[in-house]
N, C-alpha and C. Protein backbone atom coordinates (compact mmCIF):
# COMPACT_ATOMS: atom_id res chain seq x y z
N MET A 1 -40.06 30.56 75.47
CA MET A 1 -39.28 31.61 74.88
C MET A 1 -38.98 31.24 73.42
N ALA A 2 -40.01 31.20 72.60
CA ALA A 2 -39.85 30.83 71.19
C ALA A 2 -39.51 32.06 70.37
N TYR A 3 -38.67 31.85 69.41
CA TYR A 3 -38.28 32.91 68.49
C TYR A 3 -38.83 32.59 67.11
N ARG A 4 -38.25 33.15 66.09
CA ARG A 4 -38.73 32.98 64.73
C ARG A 4 -38.77 31.51 64.34
N ASN A 5 -39.86 31.09 63.70
CA ASN A 5 -40.06 29.74 63.18
C ASN A 5 -40.01 28.66 64.25
N GLY A 6 -40.33 28.99 65.48
CA GLY A 6 -40.39 27.99 66.53
C GLY A 6 -39.06 27.61 67.14
N PHE A 7 -37.98 28.30 66.79
CA PHE A 7 -36.69 27.98 67.38
C PHE A 7 -36.55 28.69 68.72
N THR A 8 -35.78 28.09 69.61
CA THR A 8 -35.59 28.64 70.94
C THR A 8 -34.28 29.42 71.00
N LEU A 9 -33.97 29.86 72.18
CA LEU A 9 -32.75 30.63 72.43
C LEU A 9 -31.50 29.86 72.01
N PHE A 10 -31.52 28.53 72.13
CA PHE A 10 -30.35 27.72 71.81
C PHE A 10 -30.30 27.31 70.34
N GLY A 11 -31.22 27.80 69.53
CA GLY A 11 -31.19 27.53 68.10
C GLY A 11 -31.76 26.19 67.71
N ARG A 12 -32.49 25.53 68.58
CA ARG A 12 -33.09 24.25 68.24
C ARG A 12 -34.60 24.38 68.36
N ARG A 13 -35.29 23.45 67.76
CA ARG A 13 -36.74 23.48 67.86
C ARG A 13 -37.16 23.09 69.27
N ARG A 14 -38.18 23.76 69.76
CA ARG A 14 -38.72 23.45 71.08
C ARG A 14 -39.42 22.10 71.02
N SER A 15 -39.19 21.24 72.02
CA SER A 15 -39.86 19.95 72.07
C SER A 15 -41.36 20.16 72.20
N LYS A 16 -42.09 19.29 71.54
CA LYS A 16 -43.55 19.41 71.56
C LYS A 16 -44.18 18.75 72.78
N SER A 17 -43.47 17.79 73.37
CA SER A 17 -44.10 17.06 74.45
C SER A 17 -43.06 16.58 75.47
N PHE A 18 -43.58 16.13 76.59
CA PHE A 18 -42.74 15.59 77.65
C PHE A 18 -41.97 14.35 77.20
N PRO A 19 -42.60 13.41 76.49
CA PRO A 19 -41.86 12.21 76.06
C PRO A 19 -40.66 12.55 75.16
N GLU A 20 -40.78 13.55 74.32
CA GLU A 20 -39.64 13.95 73.48
C GLU A 20 -38.49 14.47 74.34
N SER A 21 -38.82 15.20 75.39
CA SER A 21 -37.79 15.69 76.30
C SER A 21 -37.12 14.54 77.03
N VAL A 22 -37.89 13.55 77.42
CA VAL A 22 -37.33 12.38 78.10
C VAL A 22 -36.40 11.62 77.16
N TRP A 23 -36.80 11.46 75.89
CA TRP A 23 -35.95 10.76 74.92
C TRP A 23 -34.65 11.53 74.67
N THR A 24 -34.72 12.85 74.70
CA THR A 24 -33.51 13.65 74.55
C THR A 24 -32.57 13.42 75.74
N LEU A 25 -33.13 13.38 76.95
CA LEU A 25 -32.32 13.12 78.14
C LEU A 25 -31.70 11.72 78.07
N ILE A 26 -32.47 10.74 77.64
CA ILE A 26 -31.93 9.38 77.51
C ILE A 26 -30.80 9.36 76.49
N GLY A 27 -30.93 10.12 75.42
CA GLY A 27 -29.85 10.23 74.43
C GLY A 27 -28.59 10.81 75.04
N HIS A 28 -28.75 11.83 75.87
CA HIS A 28 -27.58 12.41 76.56
C HIS A 28 -26.95 11.39 77.50
N LEU A 29 -27.76 10.62 78.20
CA LEU A 29 -27.22 9.61 79.10
C LEU A 29 -26.45 8.53 78.33
N LEU A 30 -27.00 8.10 77.20
CA LEU A 30 -26.30 7.12 76.37
C LEU A 30 -25.02 7.69 75.79
N GLY A 31 -25.07 8.96 75.38
CA GLY A 31 -23.87 9.62 74.86
C GLY A 31 -22.80 9.74 75.93
N THR A 32 -23.21 10.07 77.15
CA THR A 32 -22.27 10.17 78.26
C THR A 32 -21.64 8.81 78.53
N ALA A 33 -22.45 7.76 78.51
CA ALA A 33 -21.92 6.42 78.74
C ALA A 33 -20.92 6.04 77.65
N ALA A 34 -21.22 6.37 76.40
CA ALA A 34 -20.31 6.05 75.30
C ALA A 34 -18.98 6.80 75.44
N ILE A 35 -19.06 8.07 75.81
CA ILE A 35 -17.83 8.86 76.01
C ILE A 35 -17.01 8.26 77.15
N PHE A 36 -17.67 7.93 78.26
CA PHE A 36 -16.95 7.39 79.41
C PHE A 36 -16.27 6.07 79.07
N VAL A 37 -17.01 5.16 78.42
CA VAL A 37 -16.45 3.86 78.09
C VAL A 37 -15.29 3.99 77.12
N THR A 38 -15.41 4.89 76.14
CA THR A 38 -14.34 5.08 75.17
C THR A 38 -13.07 5.61 75.82
N LEU A 39 -13.20 6.70 76.57
CA LEU A 39 -12.01 7.28 77.21
C LEU A 39 -11.43 6.36 78.28
N PHE A 40 -12.29 5.69 79.03
CA PHE A 40 -11.80 4.75 80.04
C PHE A 40 -11.10 3.58 79.38
N GLY A 41 -11.64 3.11 78.26
CA GLY A 41 -11.01 2.02 77.52
C GLY A 41 -9.64 2.41 76.99
N ILE A 42 -9.50 3.64 76.50
CA ILE A 42 -8.19 4.12 76.04
C ILE A 42 -7.20 4.16 77.20
N ALA A 43 -7.62 4.70 78.32
CA ALA A 43 -6.74 4.78 79.49
C ALA A 43 -6.37 3.39 79.98
N TRP A 44 -7.33 2.47 80.01
CA TRP A 44 -7.05 1.10 80.44
C TRP A 44 -6.10 0.42 79.47
N GLY A 45 -6.33 0.60 78.16
CA GLY A 45 -5.46 0.00 77.16
C GLY A 45 -4.02 0.50 77.26
N LEU A 46 -3.87 1.81 77.46
CA LEU A 46 -2.52 2.36 77.63
C LEU A 46 -1.87 1.81 78.89
N SER A 47 -2.63 1.70 79.96
CA SER A 47 -2.10 1.16 81.21
C SER A 47 -1.65 -0.28 81.02
N TRP A 48 -2.46 -1.07 80.33
CA TRP A 48 -2.14 -2.47 80.08
C TRP A 48 -0.89 -2.58 79.21
N LEU A 49 -0.81 -1.76 78.17
CA LEU A 49 0.34 -1.77 77.27
C LEU A 49 1.62 -1.38 78.01
N LEU A 50 1.56 -0.32 78.81
CA LEU A 50 2.74 0.13 79.54
C LEU A 50 3.15 -0.86 80.63
N ALA A 51 2.19 -1.53 81.24
CA ALA A 51 2.53 -2.57 82.23
C ALA A 51 3.24 -3.73 81.53
N GLY A 52 2.80 -4.06 80.32
CA GLY A 52 3.47 -5.11 79.57
C GLY A 52 4.89 -4.71 79.18
N LEU A 53 5.05 -3.47 78.75
CA LEU A 53 6.39 -3.00 78.42
C LEU A 53 7.29 -2.97 79.65
N ASP A 54 6.72 -2.58 80.78
CA ASP A 54 7.49 -2.53 82.03
C ASP A 54 7.92 -3.93 82.46
N SER A 55 7.09 -4.93 82.18
CA SER A 55 7.47 -6.30 82.55
C SER A 55 8.60 -6.82 81.66
N LEU A 56 8.66 -6.36 80.41
CA LEU A 56 9.74 -6.77 79.51
C LEU A 56 11.06 -6.09 79.85
N HIS A 57 10.97 -4.81 80.10
CA HIS A 57 12.16 -4.02 80.42
C HIS A 57 11.71 -2.92 81.37
N SER A 58 12.14 -3.01 82.60
CA SER A 58 11.66 -2.10 83.65
C SER A 58 11.98 -0.64 83.33
N PHE A 59 10.97 0.20 83.56
CA PHE A 59 11.15 1.64 83.42
C PHE A 59 11.89 2.17 84.65
N PRO A 60 12.62 3.25 84.51
CA PRO A 60 13.18 3.91 85.69
C PRO A 60 12.02 4.39 86.60
N PRO A 61 12.24 4.43 87.90
CA PRO A 61 11.15 4.82 88.83
C PRO A 61 10.54 6.19 88.52
N GLU A 62 11.37 7.14 88.08
CA GLU A 62 10.83 8.47 87.76
C GLU A 62 9.86 8.41 86.58
N ILE A 63 10.24 7.65 85.56
CA ILE A 63 9.38 7.52 84.37
C ILE A 63 8.10 6.79 84.74
N LEU A 64 8.22 5.74 85.54
CA LEU A 64 7.03 4.99 85.97
C LEU A 64 6.09 5.87 86.78
N ALA A 65 6.63 6.76 87.61
CA ALA A 65 5.80 7.68 88.38
C ALA A 65 5.06 8.66 87.45
N ILE A 66 5.75 9.15 86.43
CA ILE A 66 5.11 10.06 85.46
C ILE A 66 4.01 9.34 84.70
N ILE A 67 4.28 8.12 84.26
CA ILE A 67 3.27 7.34 83.54
C ILE A 67 2.05 7.09 84.41
N THR A 68 2.27 6.74 85.66
CA THR A 68 1.15 6.50 86.58
C THR A 68 0.34 7.77 86.79
N ARG A 69 1.02 8.91 86.93
CA ARG A 69 0.32 10.18 87.10
C ARG A 69 -0.52 10.52 85.87
N ILE A 70 0.01 10.27 84.67
CA ILE A 70 -0.74 10.53 83.43
C ILE A 70 -1.97 9.63 83.36
N GLU A 71 -1.81 8.36 83.72
CA GLU A 71 -2.96 7.45 83.72
C GLU A 71 -4.06 7.94 84.66
N ILE A 72 -3.67 8.40 85.83
CA ILE A 72 -4.65 8.89 86.80
C ILE A 72 -5.35 10.14 86.26
N TRP A 73 -4.59 11.06 85.64
CA TRP A 73 -5.20 12.27 85.10
C TRP A 73 -6.09 11.98 83.90
N LEU A 74 -5.81 10.92 83.14
CA LEU A 74 -6.73 10.51 82.07
C LEU A 74 -8.08 10.11 82.64
N ILE A 75 -8.06 9.38 83.74
CA ILE A 75 -9.32 8.98 84.38
C ILE A 75 -10.05 10.20 84.94
N TYR A 76 -9.31 11.13 85.57
CA TYR A 76 -9.94 12.36 86.07
C TYR A 76 -10.54 13.17 84.93
N GLY A 77 -9.81 13.28 83.83
CA GLY A 77 -10.32 14.00 82.66
C GLY A 77 -11.58 13.35 82.11
N ASP A 78 -11.58 12.02 82.08
CA ASP A 78 -12.75 11.28 81.61
C ASP A 78 -13.96 11.59 82.49
N ALA A 79 -13.77 11.55 83.78
CA ALA A 79 -14.87 11.84 84.70
C ALA A 79 -15.35 13.28 84.55
N ALA A 80 -14.44 14.22 84.34
CA ALA A 80 -14.83 15.63 84.18
C ALA A 80 -15.62 15.84 82.89
N VAL A 81 -15.16 15.26 81.79
CA VAL A 81 -15.88 15.40 80.52
C VAL A 81 -17.27 14.79 80.62
N CYS A 82 -17.35 13.60 81.19
CA CYS A 82 -18.66 12.94 81.32
C CYS A 82 -19.59 13.72 82.26
N GLY A 83 -19.04 14.25 83.34
CA GLY A 83 -19.85 15.06 84.24
C GLY A 83 -20.38 16.31 83.55
N LEU A 84 -19.56 16.93 82.73
CA LEU A 84 -19.98 18.12 81.99
C LEU A 84 -21.08 17.79 80.99
N VAL A 85 -20.91 16.69 80.25
CA VAL A 85 -21.95 16.28 79.29
C VAL A 85 -23.25 15.96 80.01
N LEU A 86 -23.15 15.28 81.13
CA LEU A 86 -24.35 14.95 81.91
C LEU A 86 -25.02 16.20 82.46
N LEU A 87 -24.24 17.15 82.93
CA LEU A 87 -24.79 18.40 83.45
C LEU A 87 -25.49 19.19 82.35
N ILE A 88 -24.87 19.28 81.18
CA ILE A 88 -25.49 20.00 80.06
C ILE A 88 -26.79 19.32 79.65
N GLY A 89 -26.78 18.00 79.59
CA GLY A 89 -28.00 17.27 79.24
C GLY A 89 -29.11 17.50 80.25
N THR A 90 -28.76 17.53 81.52
CA THR A 90 -29.76 17.75 82.57
C THR A 90 -30.33 19.16 82.50
N VAL A 91 -29.46 20.15 82.27
CA VAL A 91 -29.93 21.53 82.16
C VAL A 91 -30.86 21.68 80.95
N ARG A 92 -30.48 21.10 79.82
CA ARG A 92 -31.34 21.18 78.64
C ARG A 92 -32.68 20.50 78.89
N PHE A 93 -32.67 19.36 79.59
CA PHE A 93 -33.90 18.67 79.92
C PHE A 93 -34.80 19.54 80.78
N CYS A 94 -34.22 20.18 81.79
CA CYS A 94 -35.01 21.06 82.67
C CYS A 94 -35.57 22.25 81.89
N ILE A 95 -34.76 22.83 81.00
CA ILE A 95 -35.24 23.95 80.18
C ILE A 95 -36.39 23.51 79.30
N GLU A 96 -36.27 22.33 78.69
CA GLU A 96 -37.36 21.83 77.85
C GLU A 96 -38.61 21.57 78.66
N LEU A 97 -38.46 21.06 79.88
CA LEU A 97 -39.63 20.84 80.73
C LEU A 97 -40.33 22.15 81.05
N ILE A 98 -39.54 23.18 81.35
CA ILE A 98 -40.13 24.49 81.65
C ILE A 98 -40.83 25.04 80.41
N GLU A 99 -40.22 24.88 79.24
CA GLU A 99 -40.84 25.37 78.00
C GLU A 99 -42.14 24.63 77.72
N VAL A 100 -42.13 23.30 77.91
CA VAL A 100 -43.35 22.50 77.66
C VAL A 100 -44.44 22.93 78.64
N ARG A 101 -44.06 23.12 79.91
CA ARG A 101 -45.05 23.48 80.93
C ARG A 101 -45.63 24.87 80.64
N ASN A 102 -44.80 25.82 80.21
CA ASN A 102 -45.26 27.18 79.97
C ASN A 102 -46.11 27.29 78.71
N HIS A 103 -45.93 26.39 77.75
CA HIS A 103 -46.68 26.49 76.51
C HIS A 103 -47.86 25.53 76.46
N ALA A 104 -48.07 24.79 77.54
CA ALA A 104 -49.19 23.82 77.56
C ALA A 104 -50.49 24.50 77.91
């Protein structure tokens, strides 16, 4: 489904070959890993910092419960963002494979 000047529906150039599509997928996987490690590292760092503060001066149980809930939701958010990036990368890879197969 090529449009003007070889661009596709998504506004990018159509991959010329299967290896280029594979490298694009590998890039998405590496990007997903970088996003996951970054967000997980932030959540872990905050957890470590708050545990240290709690050891110096104990938080009230209600505040500690809220902090724990926020930490858990940060991890859930991280997993959701990474899953979305991975899904988009997989869909783009499949679309590129179909385009390569149809134009070969």
